[in-house]
Amino acid sequence: MHDPSRTGQRRCFDPAAALAQVDRHIAEGRTIIRGQIAVLRQMQQDGLPTRNGLELLAALRATVEALRRHRRFVLEAMPPGPADHAPRPDCSPAVRQAEGA
């Protein structure tokens, strides 16, 4: 995996990209939870032990909840307003100069 810190490149925090990624992860987690619930129901119908499956389900739910908390953090980190606050390619903050300065 490429590590930008080793080549002197800096990584910028892109709130919009982070939000899109966490939304994808939450959706994937919910899909996995639904699948686990279906497996557990089938196991119960078949008379099989479900303890480990229930523990996995609890861990999956806790993970999705952590992702939701992370999503709130990302939303708080997003700049208010339109794209004029978007990070610049060089990661330096966009500075507006006052008229005549």
PDB file of N, CA and C in Angstrom:
ATOM      1  N   MET A   1       0.840  -1.174   0.000  1.00  0.00           N
ATOM      2  CA  MET A   1       0.000   0.000   0.000  1.00  0.00           C
ATOM      3  C   MET A   1       0.881   1.232   0.000  1.00  0.00           C
ATOM      4  N   HIS A   2       0.544   2.235  -0.742  1.00  0.00           N
ATOM      5  CA  HIS A   2       1.312   3.459  -0.866  1.00  0.00           C
ATOM      6  C   HIS A   2       1.170   4.307   0.384  1.00  0.00           C
ATOM      7  N   ASP A   3       2.290   4.732   0.951  1.00  0.00           N
ATOM      8  CA  ASP A   3       2.277   5.576   2.147  1.00  0.00           C
ATOM      9  C   ASP A   3       2.783   6.956   1.757  1.00  0.00           C
ATOM     10  N   PRO A   4       1.882   7.955   1.619  1.00  0.00           N
ATOM     11  CA  PRO A   4       2.299   9.296   1.188  1.00  0.00           C
ATOM     12  C   PRO A   4       3.304   9.943   2.117  1.00  0.00           C
ATOM     13  N   SER A   5       3.300   9.594   3.399  1.00  0.00           N
ATOM     14  CA  SER A   5       4.232  10.230   4.327  1.00  0.00           C
ATOM     15  C   SER A   5       5.671   9.857   4.028  1.00  0.00           C
ATOM     16  N   ARG A   6       5.901   8.736   3.397  1.00  0.00           N
ATOM     17  CA  ARG A   6       7.262   8.315   3.082  1.00  0.00           C
ATOM     18  C   ARG A   6       7.832   9.030   1.865  1.00  0.00           C
ATOM     19  N   THR A   7       6.993   9.560   1.026  1.00  0.00           N
ATOM     20  CA  THR A   7       7.476  10.236  -0.175  1.00  0.00           C
ATOM     21  C   THR A   7       7.412  11.746  -0.036  1.00  0.00           C
ATOM     22  N   GLY A   8       7.059  12.223   1.147  1.00  0.00           N
ATOM     23  CA  GLY A   8       6.978  13.658   1.359  1.00  0.00           C
ATOM     24  C   GLY A   8       5.664  14.270   0.920  1.00  0.00           C
ATOM     25  N   GLN A   9       4.748  13.461   0.422  1.00  0.00           N
ATOM     26  CA  GLN A   9       3.447  13.972   0.018  1.00  0.00           C
ATOM     27  C   GLN A   9       2.560  14.068   1.254  1.00  0.00           C
ATOM     28  N   ARG A  10       1.725  15.100   1.277  1.00  0.00           N
ATOM     29  CA  ARG A  10       0.786  15.240   2.381  1.00  0.00           C
ATOM     30  C   ARG A  10      -0.595  14.834   1.914  1.00  0.00           C
ATOM     31  N   ARG A  11      -1.333  14.261   2.845  1.00  0.00           N
ATOM     32  CA  ARG A  11      -2.714  13.904   2.545  1.00  0.00           C
ATOM     33  C   ARG A  11      -3.606  14.970   3.147  1.00  0.00           C
ATOM     34  N   CYS A  12      -4.547  15.423   2.381  1.00  0.00           N
ATOM     35  CA  CYS A  12      -5.497  16.421   2.840  1.00  0.00           C
ATOM     36  C   CYS A  12      -6.754  15.718   3.333  1.00  0.00           C
ATOM     37  N   PHE A  13      -7.359  16.302   4.359  1.00  0.00           N
ATOM     38  CA  PHE A  13      -8.642  15.786   4.815  1.00  0.00           C
ATOM     39  C   PHE A  13      -9.711  16.362   3.910  1.00  0.00           C
ATOM     40  N   ASP A  14     -10.408  15.505   3.230  1.00  0.00           N
ATOM     41  CA  ASP A  14     -11.492  15.915   2.346  1.00  0.00           C
ATOM     42  C   ASP A  14     -12.796  15.468   2.990  1.00  0.00           C
ATOM     43  N   PRO A  15     -13.490  16.394   3.680  1.00  0.00           N
ATOM     44  CA  PRO A  15     -14.703  16.002   4.396  1.00  0.00           C
ATOM     45  C   PRO A  15     -15.761  15.359   3.504  1.00  0.00           C
ATOM     46  N   ALA A  16     -15.922  15.859   2.293  1.00  0.00           N
ATOM     47  CA  ALA A  16     -16.937  15.290   1.396  1.00  0.00           C
ATOM     48  C   ALA A  16     -16.600  13.846   1.045  1.00  0.00           C
ATOM     49  N   ALA A  17     -15.334  13.582   0.772  1.00  0.00           N
ATOM     50  CA  ALA A  17     -14.919  12.214   0.454  1.00  0.00           C
ATOM     51  C   ALA A  17     -15.047  11.315   1.684  1.00  0.00           C
ATOM     52  N   ALA A  18     -14.687  11.857   2.854  1.00  0.00           N
ATOM     53  CA  ALA A  18     -14.802  11.080   4.088  1.00  0.00           C
ATOM     54  C   ALA A  18     -16.259  10.752   4.384  1.00  0.00           C
ATOM     55  N   LEU A  19     -17.145  11.706   4.151  1.00  0.00           N
ATOM     56  CA  LEU A  19     -18.565  11.482   4.373  1.00  0.00           C
ATOM     57  C   LEU A  19     -19.098  10.415   3.422  1.00  0.00           C
ATOM     58  N   ALA A  20     -18.716  10.488   2.173  1.00  0.00           N
ATOM     59  CA  ALA A  20     -19.160   9.482   1.199  1.00  0.00           C
ATOM     60  C   ALA A  20     -18.656   8.095   1.595  1.00  0.00           C
ATOM     61  N   GLN A  21     -17.405   8.029   2.056  1.00  0.00           N
ATOM     62  CA  GLN A  21     -16.846   6.738   2.443  1.00  0.00           C
ATOM     63  C   GLN A  21     -17.555   6.163   3.666  1.00  0.00           C
ATOM     64  N   VAL A  22     -17.777   6.985   4.681  1.00  0.00           N
ATOM     65  CA  VAL A  22     -18.437   6.469   5.882  1.00  0.00           C
ATOM     66  C   VAL A  22     -19.882   6.083   5.570  1.00  0.00           C
ATOM     67  N   ASP A  23     -20.547   6.810   4.686  1.00  0.00           N
ATOM     68  CA  ASP A  23     -21.905   6.421   4.274  1.00  0.00           C
ATOM     69  C   ASP A  23     -21.896   5.054   3.593  1.00  0.00           C
ATOM     70  N   ARG A  24     -20.888   4.808   2.750  1.00  0.00           N
ATOM     71  CA  ARG A  24     -20.768   3.492   2.103  1.00  0.00           C
ATOM     72  C   ARG A  24     -20.547   2.404   3.149  1.00  0.00           C
ATOM     73  N   HIS A  25     -19.683   2.683   4.117  1.00  0.00           N
ATOM     74  CA  HIS A  25     -19.385   1.683   5.142  1.00  0.00           C
ATOM     75  C   HIS A  25     -20.613   1.383   5.999  1.00  0.00           C
ATOM     76  N   ILE A  26     -21.383   2.404   6.322  1.00  0.00           N
ATOM     77  CA  ILE A  26     -22.607   2.194   7.096  1.00  0.00           C
ATOM     78  C   ILE A  26     -23.589   1.337   6.298  1.00  0.00           C
ATOM     79  N   ALA A  27     -23.759   1.655   5.022  1.00  0.00           N
ATOM     80  CA  ALA A  27     -24.673   0.870   4.182  1.00  0.00           C
ATOM     81  C   ALA A  27     -24.207  -0.585   4.074  1.00  0.00           C
ATOM     82  N   GLU A  28     -22.916  -0.789   3.904  1.00  0.00           N
ATOM     83  CA  GLU A  28     -22.375  -2.154   3.827  1.00  0.00           C
ATOM     84  C   GLU A  28     -22.590  -2.885   5.147  1.00  0.00           C
ATOM     85  N   GLY A  29     -22.358  -2.191   6.252  1.00  0.00           N
ATOM     86  CA  GLY A  29     -22.559  -2.799   7.562  1.00  0.00           C
ATOM     87  C   GLY A  29     -23.994  -3.220   7.783  1.00  0.00           C
ATOM     88  N   ARG A  30     -24.933  -2.361   7.376  1.00  0.00           N
ATOM     89  CA  ARG A  30     -26.350  -2.697   7.530  1.00  0.00           C
ATOM     90  C   ARG A  30     -26.715  -3.913   6.679  1.00  0.00           C
ATOM     91  N   THR A  31     -26.132  -4.007   5.491  1.00  0.00           N
ATOM     92  CA  THR A  31     -26.376  -5.172   4.631  1.00  0.00           C
ATOM     93  C   THR A  31     -25.846  -6.441   5.288  1.00  0.00           C
ATOM     94  N   ILE A  32     -24.668  -6.355   5.870  1.00  0.00           N
ATOM     95  CA  ILE A  32     -24.080  -7.514   6.547  1.00  0.00           C
ATOM     96  C   ILE A  32     -24.928  -7.913   7.749  1.00  0.00           C
ATOM     97  N   ILE A  33     -25.429  -6.927   8.494  1.00  0.00           N
ATOM     98  CA  ILE A  33     -26.289  -7.215   9.646  1.00  0.00           C
ATOM     99  C   ILE A  33     -27.547  -7.946   9.207  1.00  0.00           C
ATOM    100  N   ARG A  34     -28.175  -7.472   8.139  1.00  0.00           N
ATOM    101  CA  ARG A  34     -29.385  -8.156   7.644  1.00  0.00           C
ATOM    102  C   ARG A  34     -29.076  -9.605   7.265  1.00  0.00           C
ATOM    103  N   GLY A  35     -27.930  -9.822   6.650  1.00  0.00           N
ATOM    104  CA  GLY A  35     -27.531 -11.186   6.297  1.00  0.00           C
ATOM    105  C   GLY A  35     -27.294 -12.047   7.526  1.00  0.00           C
ATOM    106  N   GLN A  36     -26.658 -11.465   8.543  1.00  0.00           N
ATOM    107  CA  GLN A  36     -26.411 -12.212   9.772  1.00  0.00           C
ATOM    108  C   GLN A  36     -27.715 -12.574  10.466  1.00  0.00           C
ATOM    109  N   ILE A  37     -28.667 -11.656  10.466  1.00  0.00           N
ATOM    110  CA  ILE A  37     -29.972 -11.942  11.068  1.00  0.00           C
ATOM    111  C   ILE A  37     -30.651 -13.096  10.334  1.00  0.00           C
ATOM    112  N   ALA A  38     -30.568 -13.098   9.016  1.00  0.00           N
ATOM    113  CA  ALA A  38     -31.171 -14.188   8.234  1.00  0.00           C
ATOM    114  C   ALA A  38     -30.503 -15.520   8.570  1.00  0.00           C
ATOM    115  N   VAL A  39     -29.189 -15.514   8.706  1.00  0.00           N
ATOM    116  CA  VAL A  39     -28.462 -16.740   9.056  1.00  0.00           C
ATOM    117  C   VAL A  39     -28.888 -17.226  10.439  1.00  0.00           C
ATOM    118  N   LEU A  40     -28.995 -16.298  11.386  1.00  0.00           N
ATOM    119  CA  LEU A  40     -29.390 -16.677  12.744  1.00  0.00           C
ATOM    120  C   LEU A  40     -30.806 -17.252  12.780  1.00  0.00           C
ATOM    121  N   ARG A  41     -31.697 -16.673  12.027  1.00  0.00           N
ATOM    122  CA  ARG A  41     -33.067 -17.201  11.981  1.00  0.00           C
ATOM    123  C   ARG A  41     -33.084 -18.633  11.439  1.00  0.00           C
ATOM    124  N   GLN A  42     -32.298 -18.846  10.398  1.00  0.00           N
ATOM    125  CA  GLN A  42     -32.233 -20.190   9.820  1.00  0.00           C
ATOM    126  C   GLN A  42     -31.607 -21.169  10.808  1.00  0.00           C
ATOM    127  N   MET A  43     -30.580 -20.721  11.500  1.00  0.00           N
ATOM    128  CA  MET A  43     -29.938 -21.588  12.491  1.00  0.00           C
ATOM    129  C   MET A  43     -30.918 -21.951  13.610  1.00  0.00           C
ATOM    130  N   GLN A  44     -31.709 -20.974  14.058  1.00  0.00           N
ATOM    131  CA  GLN A  44     -32.711 -21.253  15.092  1.00  0.00           C
ATOM    132  C   GLN A  44     -33.736 -22.268  14.597  1.00  0.00           C
ATOM    133  N   GLN A  45     -34.188 -22.104  13.353  1.00  0.00           N
ATOM    134  CA  GLN A  45     -35.166 -23.048  12.786  1.00  0.00           C
ATOM    135  C   GLN A  45     -34.583 -24.458  12.691  1.00  0.00           C
ATOM    136  N   ASP A  46     -33.282 -24.513  12.429  1.00  0.00           N
ATOM    137  CA  ASP A  46     -32.612 -25.814  12.296  1.00  0.00           C
ATOM    138  C   ASP A  46     -32.180 -26.384  13.643  1.00  0.00           C
ATOM    139  N   GLY A  47     -32.423 -25.633  14.720  1.00  0.00           N
ATOM    140  CA  GLY A  47     -32.060 -26.115  16.047  1.00  0.00           C
ATOM    141  C   GLY A  47     -30.571 -26.049  16.343  1.00  0.00           C
ATOM    142  N   LEU A  48     -29.874 -25.208  15.640  1.00  0.00           N
ATOM    143  CA  LEU A  48     -28.425 -25.089  15.838  1.00  0.00           C
ATOM    144  C   LEU A  48     -28.109 -24.019  16.881  1.00  0.00           C
ATOM    145  N   PRO A  49     -26.957 -24.123  17.526  1.00  0.00           N
ATOM    146  CA  PRO A  49     -26.575 -23.107  18.515  1.00  0.00           C
ATOM    147  C   PRO A  49     -26.299 -21.769  17.819  1.00  0.00           C
ATOM    148  N   THR A  50     -26.719 -20.697  18.471  1.00  0.00           N
ATOM    149  CA  THR A  50     -26.592 -19.371  17.852  1.00  0.00           C
ATOM    150  C   THR A  50     -25.749 -18.396  18.686  1.00  0.00           C
ATOM    151  N   ARG A  51     -25.183 -18.876  19.777  1.00  0.00           N
ATOM    152  CA  ARG A  51     -24.454 -17.968  20.674  1.00  0.00           C
ATOM    153  C   ARG A  51     -23.368 -17.176  19.951  1.00  0.00           C
ATOM    154  N   ASN A  52     -22.515 -17.847  19.221  1.00  0.00           N
ATOM    155  CA  ASN A  52     -21.437 -17.148  18.518  1.00  0.00           C
ATOM    156  C   ASN A  52     -21.985 -16.195  17.460  1.00  0.00           C
ATOM    157  N   GLY A  53     -23.028 -16.621  16.777  1.00  0.00           N
ATOM    158  CA  GLY A  53     -23.650 -15.765  15.772  1.00  0.00           C
ATOM    159  C   GLY A  53     -24.267 -14.521  16.378  1.00  0.00           C
ATOM    160  N   LEU A  54     -24.857 -14.677  17.576  1.00  0.00           N
ATOM    161  CA  LEU A  54     -25.429 -13.524  18.264  1.00  0.00           C
ATOM    162  C   LEU A  54     -24.332 -12.566  18.732  1.00  0.00           C
ATOM    163  N   GLU A  55     -23.206 -13.125  19.167  1.00  0.00           N
ATOM    164  CA  GLU A  55     -22.074 -12.277  19.558  1.00  0.00           C
ATOM    165  C   GLU A  55     -21.546 -11.501  18.354  1.00  0.00           C
ATOM    166  N   LEU A  56     -21.486 -12.174  17.208  1.00  0.00           N
ATOM    167  CA  LEU A  56     -21.055 -11.488  15.986  1.00  0.00           C
ATOM    168  C   LEU A  56     -22.039 -10.385  15.622  1.00  0.00           C
ATOM    169  N   LEU A  57     -23.323 -10.668  15.730  1.00  0.00           N
ATOM    170  CA  LEU A  57     -24.335  -9.667  15.423  1.00  0.00           C
ATOM    171  C   LEU A  57     -24.178  -8.443  16.333  1.00  0.00           C
ATOM    172  N   ALA A  58     -23.927  -8.666  17.608  1.00  0.00           N
ATOM    173  CA  ALA A  58     -23.722  -7.543  18.531  1.00  0.00           C
ATOM    174  C   ALA A  58     -22.491  -6.727  18.132  1.00  0.00           C
ATOM    175  N   ALA A  59     -21.438  -7.401  17.729  1.00  0.00           N
ATOM    176  CA  ALA A  59     -20.228  -6.692  17.299  1.00  0.00           C
ATOM    177  C   ALA A  59     -20.481  -5.902  16.015  1.00  0.00           C
ATOM    178  N   LEU A  60     -21.228  -6.474  15.102  1.00  0.00           N
ATOM    179  CA  LEU A  60     -21.559  -5.766  13.863  1.00  0.00           C
ATOM    180  C   LEU A  60     -22.383  -4.520  14.151  1.00  0.00           C
ATOM    181  N   ARG A  61     -23.359  -4.664  15.037  1.00  0.00           N
ATOM    182  CA  ARG A  61     -24.181  -3.497  15.395  1.00  0.00           C
ATOM    183  C   ARG A  61     -23.352  -2.424  16.074  1.00  0.00           C
ATOM    184  N   ALA A  62     -22.438  -2.823  16.942  1.00  0.00           N
ATOM    185  CA  ALA A  62     -21.562  -1.851  17.608  1.00  0.00           C
ATOM    186  C   ALA A  62     -20.665  -1.139  16.593  1.00  0.00           C
ATOM    187  N   THR A  63     -20.217  -1.869  15.591  1.00  0.00           N
ATOM    188  CA  THR A  63     -19.373  -1.269  14.557  1.00  0.00           C
ATOM    189  C   THR A  63     -20.149  -0.234  13.758  1.00  0.00           C
ATOM    190  N   VAL A  64     -21.375  -0.559  13.384  1.00  0.00           N
ATOM    191  CA  VAL A  64     -22.190   0.396  12.627  1.00  0.00           C
ATOM    192  C   VAL A  64     -22.488   1.628  13.483  1.00  0.00           C
ATOM    193  N   GLU A  65     -22.723   1.432  14.760  1.00  0.00           N
ATOM    194  CA  GLU A  65     -22.952   2.583  15.647  1.00  0.00           C
ATOM    195  C   GLU A  65     -21.694   3.450  15.732  1.00  0.00           C
ATOM    196  N   ALA A  66     -20.526   2.839  15.788  1.00  0.00           N
ATOM    197  CA  ALA A  66     -19.277   3.605  15.793  1.00  0.00           C
ATOM    198  C   ALA A  66     -19.121   4.380  14.482  1.00  0.00           C
ATOM    199  N   LEU A  67     -19.507   3.772  13.391  1.00  0.00           N
ATOM    200  CA  LEU A  67     -19.460   4.463  12.101  1.00  0.00           C
ATOM    201  C   LEU A  67     -20.418   5.640  12.076  1.00  0.00           C
ATOM    202  N   ARG A  68     -21.574   5.488  12.695  1.00  0.00           N
ATOM    203  CA  ARG A  68     -22.523   6.619  12.766  1.00  0.00           C
ATOM    204  C   ARG A  68     -21.951   7.762  13.600  1.00  0.00           C
ATOM    205  N   ARG A  69     -21.262   7.423  14.699  1.00  0.00           N
ATOM    206  CA  ARG A  69     -20.619   8.481  15.499  1.00  0.00           C
ATOM    207  C   ARG A  69     -19.525   9.168  14.678  1.00  0.00           C
ATOM    208  N   HIS A  70     -18.774   8.373  13.931  1.00  0.00           N
ATOM    209  CA  HIS A  70     -17.728   8.935  13.075  1.00  0.00           C
ATOM    210  C   HIS A  70     -18.339   9.850  12.017  1.00  0.00           C
ATOM    211  N   ARG A  71     -19.483   9.452  11.491  1.00  0.00           N
ATOM    212  CA  ARG A  71     -20.167  10.279  10.490  1.00  0.00           C
ATOM    213  C   ARG A  71     -20.519  11.642  11.071  1.00  0.00           C
ATOM    214  N   ARG A  72     -21.004  11.649  12.314  1.00  0.00           N
ATOM    215  CA  ARG A  72     -21.311  12.932  12.960  1.00  0.00           C
ATOM    216  C   ARG A  72     -20.053  13.780  13.114  1.00  0.00           C
ATOM    217  N   PHE A  73     -18.934  13.140  13.453  1.00  0.00           N
ATOM    218  CA  PHE A  73     -17.657  13.846  13.556  1.00  0.00           C
ATOM    219  C   PHE A  73     -17.275  14.467  12.213  1.00  0.00           C
ATOM    220  N   VAL A  74     -17.417  13.714  11.143  1.00  0.00           N
ATOM    221  CA  VAL A  74     -17.083  14.220   9.802  1.00  0.00           C
ATOM    222  C   VAL A  74     -17.986  15.390   9.453  1.00  0.00           C
ATOM    223  N   LEU A  75     -19.272  15.272   9.748  1.00  0.00           N
ATOM    224  CA  LEU A  75     -20.193  16.368   9.459  1.00  0.00           C
ATOM    225  C   LEU A  75     -19.793  17.635  10.216  1.00  0.00           C
ATOM    226  N   GLU A  76     -19.363  17.486  11.452  1.00  0.00           N
ATOM    227  CA  GLU A  76     -18.919  18.646  12.230  1.00  0.00           C
ATOM    228  C   GLU A  76     -17.652  19.258  11.662  1.00  0.00           C
ATOM    229  N   ALA A  77     -16.827  18.454  11.008  1.00  0.00           N
ATOM    230  CA  ALA A  77     -15.575  18.941  10.432  1.00  0.00           C
ATOM    231  C   ALA A  77     -15.779  19.616   9.083  1.00  0.00           C
ATOM    232  N   MET A  78     -16.950  19.436   8.493  1.00  0.00           N
ATOM    233  CA  MET A  78     -17.201  20.025   7.183  1.00  0.00           C
ATOM    234  C   MET A  78     -17.369  21.530   7.320  1.00  0.00           C
ATOM    235  N   PRO A  79     -16.747  22.272   6.429  1.00  0.00           N
ATOM    236  CA  PRO A  79     -16.901  23.723   6.489  1.00  0.00           C
ATOM    237  C   PRO A  79     -18.320  24.121   6.117  1.00  0.00           C
ATOM    238  N   PRO A  80     -18.814  25.174   6.755  1.00  0.00           N
ATOM    239  CA  PRO A  80     -20.158  25.630   6.396  1.00  0.00           C
ATOM    240  C   PRO A  80     -20.147  26.301   5.033  1.00  0.00           C
ATOM    241  N   GLY A  81     -21.223  26.187   4.343  1.00  0.00           N
ATOM    242  CA  GLY A  81     -21.366  26.921   3.092  1.00  0.00           C
ATOM    243  C   GLY A  81     -20.859  26.182   1.880  1.00  0.00           C
ATOM    244  N   PRO A  82     -20.759  26.927   0.779  1.00  0.00           N
ATOM    245  CA  PRO A  82     -20.433  26.336  -0.528  1.00  0.00           C
ATOM    246  C   PRO A  82     -18.957  25.956  -0.660  1.00  0.00           C
ATOM    247  N   ALA A  83     -18.599  25.585  -1.854  1.00  0.00           N
ATOM    248  CA  ALA A  83     -17.270  25.043  -2.147  1.00  0.00           C
ATOM    249  C   ALA A  83     -16.142  26.061  -2.034  1.00  0.00           C
ATOM    250  N   ASP A  84     -16.430  27.328  -1.714  1.00  0.00           N
ATOM    251  CA  ASP A  84     -15.338  28.285  -1.612  1.00  0.00           C
ATOM    252  C   ASP A  84     -14.445  27.978  -0.415  1.00  0.00           C
ATOM    253  N   HIS A  85     -14.870  27.046   0.443  1.00  0.00           N
ATOM    254  CA  HIS A  85     -14.053  26.640   1.570  1.00  0.00           C
ATOM    255  C   HIS A  85     -13.364  25.312   1.306  1.00  0.00           C
ATOM    256  N   ALA A  86     -13.479  24.804   0.095  1.00  0.00           N
ATOM    257  CA  ALA A  86     -12.907  23.497  -0.220  1.00  0.00           C
ATOM    258  C   ALA A  86     -11.394  23.542  -0.092  1.00  0.00           C
ATOM    259  N   PRO A  87     -10.793  22.424   0.338  1.00  0.00           N
ATOM    260  CA  PRO A  87      -9.338  22.413   0.465  1.00  0.00           C
ATOM    261  C   PRO A  87      -8.668  22.567  -0.886  1.00  0.00           C
ATOM    262  N   ARG A  88      -7.566  23.269  -0.882  1.00  0.00           N
ATOM    263  CA  ARG A  88      -6.808  23.457  -2.112  1.00  0.00           C
ATOM    264  C   ARG A  88      -5.917  22.255  -2.336  1.00  0.00           C
ATOM    265  N   PRO A  89      -5.478  22.016  -3.580  1.00  0.00           N
ATOM    266  CA  PRO A  89      -4.657  20.839  -3.878  1.00  0.00           C
ATOM    267  C   PRO A  89      -3.378  20.776  -3.047  1.00  0.00           C
ATOM    268  N   ASP A  90      -2.817  21.933  -2.660  1.00  0.00           N
ATOM    269  CA  ASP A  90      -1.580  21.921  -1.888  1.00  0.00           C
ATOM    270  C   ASP A  90      -1.829  21.855  -0.387  1.00  0.00           C
ATOM    271  N   CYS A  91      -3.077  21.691   0.028  1.00  0.00           N
ATOM    272  CA  CYS A  91      -3.526  21.581   1.417  1.00  0.00           C
ATOM    273  C   CYS A  91      -3.446  22.881   2.181  1.00  0.00           C
ATOM    274  N   SER A  92      -3.015  23.945   1.572  1.00  0.00           N
ATOM    275  CA  SER A  92      -2.980  25.198   2.309  1.00  0.00           C
ATOM    276  C   SER A  92      -4.375  25.794   2.345  1.00  0.00           C
ATOM    277  N   PRO A  93      -4.722  26.498   3.416  1.00  0.00           N
ATOM    278  CA  PRO A  93      -6.055  27.060   3.484  1.00  0.00           C
ATOM    279  C   PRO A  93      -6.235  28.162   2.452  1.00  0.00           C
ATOM    280  N   ALA A  94      -7.408  28.206   1.905  1.00  0.00           N
ATOM    281  CA  ALA A  94      -7.712  29.267   0.936  1.00  0.00           C
ATOM    282  C   ALA A  94      -7.835  30.574   1.732  1.00  0.00           C
ATOM    283  N   VAL A  95      -7.099  31.554   1.329  1.00  0.00           N
ATOM    284  CA  VAL A  95      -7.117  32.828   2.029  1.00  0.00           C
ATOM    285  C   VAL A  95      -7.668  33.872   1.074  1.00  0.00           C
ATOM    286  N   ARG A  96      -8.724  34.516   1.525  1.00  0.00           N
ATOM    287  CA  ARG A  96      -9.288  35.592   0.715  1.00  0.00           C
ATOM    288  C   ARG A  96      -8.621  36.890   1.119  1.00  0.00           C
ATOM    289  N   GLN A  97      -8.146  37.586   0.146  1.00  0.00           N
ATOM    290  CA  GLN A  97      -7.540  38.877   0.440  1.00  0.00           C
ATOM    291  C   GLN A  97      -8.611  39.941   0.367  1.00  0.00           C
ATOM    292  N   ALA A  98      -8.546  40.852   1.297  1.00  0.00           N
ATOM    293  CA  ALA A  98      -9.497  41.949   1.296  1.00  0.00           C
ATOM    294  C   ALA A  98      -9.264  42.806   0.069  1.00  0.00           C
ATOM    295  N   GLU A  99     -10.308  43.404  -0.413  1.00  0.00           N
ATOM    296  CA  GLU A  99     -10.223  44.242  -1.606  1.00  0.00           C
ATOM    297  C   GLU A  99      -9.221  45.353  -1.355  1.00  0.00           C
ATOM    298  N   GLY A 100      -8.290  45.518  -2.277  1.00  0.00           N
ATOM    299  CA  GLY A 100      -7.283  46.574  -2.193  1.00  0.00           C
ATOM    300  C   GLY A 100      -6.067  46.175  -1.376  1.00  0.00           C
ATOM    301  N   ALA A 101      -6.025  44.979  -0.852  1.00  0.00           N
ATOM    302  CA  ALA A 101      -4.872  44.595  -0.041  1.00  0.00           C
ATOM    303  C   ALA A 101      -3.723  44.148  -0.893  1.00  0.00           C
TER     304      ALA A 101
END
